[in-house]
N, C-alpha and C. Protein backbone atom coordinates (compact mmCIF):
# COMPACT_ATOMS: atom_id res chain seq x y z
N UNK A 1 -12.69 -15.68 -23.07
CA UNK A 1 -13.77 -14.73 -23.24
C UNK A 1 -14.33 -14.35 -21.88
N UNK A 2 -14.59 -13.11 -21.69
CA UNK A 2 -15.12 -12.59 -20.45
C UNK A 2 -16.53 -12.09 -20.72
N UNK A 3 -17.47 -12.55 -19.97
CA UNK A 3 -18.85 -12.12 -20.15
C UNK A 3 -19.29 -11.32 -18.94
N UNK A 4 -19.94 -10.24 -19.19
CA UNK A 4 -20.44 -9.40 -18.11
C UNK A 4 -21.93 -9.22 -18.29
N UNK A 5 -22.64 -9.20 -17.18
CA UNK A 5 -24.08 -8.95 -17.23
C UNK A 5 -24.36 -7.65 -16.50
N UNK A 6 -25.02 -6.78 -17.14
CA UNK A 6 -25.47 -5.55 -16.52
C UNK A 6 -26.98 -5.63 -16.42
N UNK A 7 -27.44 -6.26 -15.37
CA UNK A 7 -28.88 -6.40 -15.18
C UNK A 7 -29.42 -5.18 -14.48
N UNK A 8 -30.68 -5.17 -14.26
CA UNK A 8 -31.26 -4.06 -13.54
C UNK A 8 -32.40 -3.45 -14.32
N UNK A 9 -32.80 -2.32 -13.87
CA UNK A 9 -33.96 -1.66 -14.45
C UNK A 9 -33.54 -0.74 -15.58
N UNK A 10 -33.52 -1.26 -16.78
CA UNK A 10 -33.28 -0.44 -17.96
C UNK A 10 -31.88 0.09 -18.11
N UNK A 11 -30.89 -0.45 -17.40
CA UNK A 11 -29.53 0.08 -17.51
C UNK A 11 -28.93 -0.31 -18.86
N UNK A 12 -28.86 -1.60 -19.15
CA UNK A 12 -28.33 -2.05 -20.43
C UNK A 12 -28.71 -3.52 -20.60
N UNK A 13 -28.84 -3.95 -21.83
CA UNK A 13 -29.10 -5.38 -22.05
C UNK A 13 -27.83 -6.18 -21.77
N UNK A 14 -27.92 -7.49 -21.80
CA UNK A 14 -26.74 -8.34 -21.60
C UNK A 14 -25.69 -8.01 -22.64
N UNK A 15 -24.45 -7.80 -22.18
CA UNK A 15 -23.35 -7.45 -23.06
C UNK A 15 -22.24 -8.46 -22.86
N UNK A 16 -21.71 -8.99 -23.95
CA UNK A 16 -20.58 -9.93 -23.88
C UNK A 16 -19.33 -9.20 -24.36
N UNK A 17 -18.27 -9.26 -23.56
CA UNK A 17 -17.01 -8.64 -23.93
C UNK A 17 -15.98 -9.72 -24.20
N UNK A 18 -15.22 -9.55 -25.25
CA UNK A 18 -14.12 -10.45 -25.54
C UNK A 18 -12.83 -9.66 -25.46
N UNK A 19 -11.94 -10.09 -24.58
CA UNK A 19 -10.67 -9.39 -24.41
C UNK A 19 -9.57 -10.16 -25.11
N UNK A 20 -8.64 -9.46 -25.74
CA UNK A 20 -7.53 -10.16 -26.40
C UNK A 20 -6.60 -10.77 -25.35
N UNK A 21 -5.93 -11.86 -25.73
CA UNK A 21 -4.97 -12.48 -24.85
C UNK A 21 -3.76 -11.57 -24.66
N UNK A 22 -3.14 -11.67 -23.50
CA UNK A 22 -1.96 -10.84 -23.24
C UNK A 22 -0.76 -11.36 -24.02
N UNK A 23 0.04 -10.44 -24.48
CA UNK A 23 1.27 -10.83 -25.16
C UNK A 23 2.30 -11.22 -24.11
N UNK A 24 3.37 -11.84 -24.54
CA UNK A 24 4.44 -12.25 -23.62
C UNK A 24 5.06 -11.02 -22.96
N UNK A 25 5.20 -9.95 -23.71
CA UNK A 25 5.76 -8.71 -23.18
C UNK A 25 4.86 -8.14 -22.08
N UNK A 26 3.54 -8.18 -22.29
CA UNK A 26 2.61 -7.70 -21.28
C UNK A 26 2.66 -8.57 -20.02
N UNK A 27 2.78 -9.87 -20.19
CA UNK A 27 2.89 -10.79 -19.05
C UNK A 27 4.15 -10.49 -18.25
N UNK A 28 5.26 -10.23 -18.96
CA UNK A 28 6.52 -9.91 -18.29
C UNK A 28 6.39 -8.60 -17.51
N UNK A 29 5.72 -7.61 -18.12
CA UNK A 29 5.54 -6.32 -17.45
C UNK A 29 4.70 -6.49 -16.19
N UNK A 30 3.65 -7.28 -16.26
CA UNK A 30 2.82 -7.53 -15.08
C UNK A 30 3.63 -8.25 -14.01
N UNK A 31 4.44 -9.20 -14.41
CA UNK A 31 5.30 -9.90 -13.45
C UNK A 31 6.27 -8.95 -12.78
N UNK A 32 6.86 -8.05 -13.56
CA UNK A 32 7.80 -7.07 -13.01
C UNK A 32 7.08 -6.12 -12.05
N UNK A 33 5.87 -5.71 -12.40
CA UNK A 33 5.10 -4.82 -11.53
C UNK A 33 4.71 -5.51 -10.23
N UNK A 34 4.36 -6.79 -10.31
CA UNK A 34 4.04 -7.55 -9.10
C UNK A 34 5.26 -7.64 -8.18
N UNK A 35 6.41 -7.89 -8.77
CA UNK A 35 7.65 -7.96 -7.98
C UNK A 35 7.96 -6.61 -7.35
N UNK A 36 7.77 -5.54 -8.12
CA UNK A 36 8.02 -4.19 -7.61
C UNK A 36 7.07 -3.88 -6.45
N UNK A 37 5.81 -4.28 -6.57
CA UNK A 37 4.83 -4.06 -5.51
C UNK A 37 5.21 -4.85 -4.26
N UNK A 38 5.63 -6.09 -4.44
CA UNK A 38 6.05 -6.92 -3.31
C UNK A 38 7.25 -6.29 -2.60
N UNK A 39 8.22 -5.80 -3.38
CA UNK A 39 9.41 -5.17 -2.82
C UNK A 39 9.03 -3.90 -2.06
N UNK A 40 8.16 -3.09 -2.63
CA UNK A 40 7.72 -1.85 -1.97
C UNK A 40 6.99 -2.17 -0.67
N UNK A 41 6.18 -3.22 -0.68
CA UNK A 41 5.48 -3.63 0.53
C UNK A 41 6.44 -4.05 1.63
N UNK A 42 7.48 -4.78 1.25
CA UNK A 42 8.50 -5.22 2.22
C UNK A 42 9.25 -4.01 2.78
N UNK A 43 9.61 -3.06 1.92
CA UNK A 43 10.29 -1.85 2.38
C UNK A 43 9.41 -1.05 3.34
N UNK A 44 8.12 -0.96 3.03
CA UNK A 44 7.19 -0.24 3.90
C UNK A 44 7.09 -0.94 5.26
N UNK A 45 6.98 -2.25 5.24
CA UNK A 45 6.90 -3.02 6.49
C UNK A 45 8.16 -2.81 7.33
N UNK A 46 9.33 -2.85 6.69
CA UNK A 46 10.59 -2.62 7.40
C UNK A 46 10.64 -1.22 8.01
N UNK A 47 10.20 -0.21 7.24
CA UNK A 47 10.21 1.17 7.73
C UNK A 47 9.26 1.33 8.91
N UNK A 48 8.10 0.67 8.85
CA UNK A 48 7.15 0.76 9.95
C UNK A 48 7.72 0.11 11.21
N UNK A 49 8.39 -1.03 11.05
CA UNK A 49 9.01 -1.70 12.19
C UNK A 49 10.12 -0.84 12.79
N UNK A 50 10.91 -0.19 11.94
CA UNK A 50 11.97 0.70 12.42
C UNK A 50 11.37 1.87 13.20
N UNK A 51 10.28 2.42 12.69
CA UNK A 51 9.61 3.54 13.35
C UNK A 51 9.12 3.13 14.74
N UNK A 52 8.52 1.95 14.84
CA UNK A 52 8.05 1.46 16.13
C UNK A 52 9.23 1.29 17.09
N UNK A 53 10.32 0.73 16.59
CA UNK A 53 11.50 0.53 17.44
C UNK A 53 12.06 1.87 17.93
N UNK A 54 12.14 2.85 17.05
CA UNK A 54 12.67 4.17 17.44
C UNK A 54 11.74 4.87 18.44
N UNK A 55 10.44 4.78 18.21
CA UNK A 55 9.47 5.38 19.14
C UNK A 55 9.59 4.73 20.51
N UNK A 56 9.74 3.41 20.54
CA UNK A 56 9.88 2.70 21.81
C UNK A 56 11.18 3.11 22.51
N UNK A 57 12.24 3.23 21.75
CA UNK A 57 13.53 3.64 22.32
C UNK A 57 13.43 5.05 22.92
N UNK A 58 12.76 5.96 22.24
CA UNK A 58 12.58 7.32 22.76
C UNK A 58 11.73 7.30 24.02
N UNK A 59 10.64 6.50 24.02
CA UNK A 59 9.79 6.40 25.21
C UNK A 59 10.59 5.94 26.42
N UNK A 60 11.38 4.89 26.22
CA UNK A 60 12.19 4.35 27.32
C UNK A 60 13.22 5.37 27.79
N UNK A 61 13.88 6.04 26.85
CA UNK A 61 14.90 7.05 27.21
C UNK A 61 14.26 8.20 27.97
N UNK A 62 13.09 8.68 27.53
CA UNK A 62 12.42 9.77 28.24
C UNK A 62 12.02 9.35 29.64
N UNK A 63 11.55 8.12 29.77
CA UNK A 63 11.10 7.63 31.07
C UNK A 63 12.28 7.44 32.03
N UNK A 64 13.36 6.84 31.55
CA UNK A 64 14.50 6.54 32.42
C UNK A 64 15.35 7.77 32.71
N UNK A 65 15.54 8.64 31.73
CA UNK A 65 16.39 9.82 31.91
C UNK A 65 15.63 11.04 32.40
N UNK A 66 14.30 10.95 32.35
CA UNK A 66 13.43 12.05 32.80
C UNK A 66 13.71 13.37 32.08
N UNK A 67 13.97 13.27 30.77
CA UNK A 67 14.16 14.47 29.97
C UNK A 67 13.27 14.38 28.73
N UNK A 68 12.70 15.51 28.32
CA UNK A 68 11.87 15.48 27.12
C UNK A 68 12.75 15.42 25.86
N UNK A 69 12.51 14.46 25.05
CA UNK A 69 13.29 14.30 23.80
C UNK A 69 12.48 14.81 22.61
N UNK A 70 11.20 14.49 22.59
CA UNK A 70 10.34 14.90 21.47
C UNK A 70 10.03 16.40 21.55
N UNK A 71 9.90 17.01 20.38
CA UNK A 71 9.48 18.41 20.32
C UNK A 71 8.00 18.47 20.64
N UNK A 72 7.61 19.50 21.31
CA UNK A 72 6.19 19.72 21.59
C UNK A 72 5.54 20.27 20.34
N UNK A 73 4.40 19.72 19.96
CA UNK A 73 3.70 20.22 18.78
C UNK A 73 2.80 21.38 19.18
N UNK A 74 2.40 22.14 18.22
CA UNK A 74 1.52 23.27 18.47
C UNK A 74 2.23 24.59 18.19
N UNK A 75 1.48 25.68 18.27
CA UNK A 75 2.08 26.99 17.98
C UNK A 75 3.04 27.42 19.07
N UNK A 76 4.08 28.13 18.66
CA UNK A 76 5.05 28.66 19.63
C UNK A 76 4.48 29.93 20.25
N UNK A 77 4.76 30.11 21.54
CA UNK A 77 4.27 31.30 22.22
C UNK A 77 5.40 32.16 22.70
């Protein structure tokens, strides 16, 4: 049983909420979603690390070769 209190100035009296227990199917779905979230987080972390590595590689190449590799942003004239 989950109890919630909404105290304050005239908002609502004490209210008790009872939530039904999760079914096995719902528990499995939550487990699958947690795994999916963990996997997506790992993929994001890997992509961010790859981006940092590529940016560093471009910085070093531009510095050592003295040529602009990145496109200049802004309007074309």
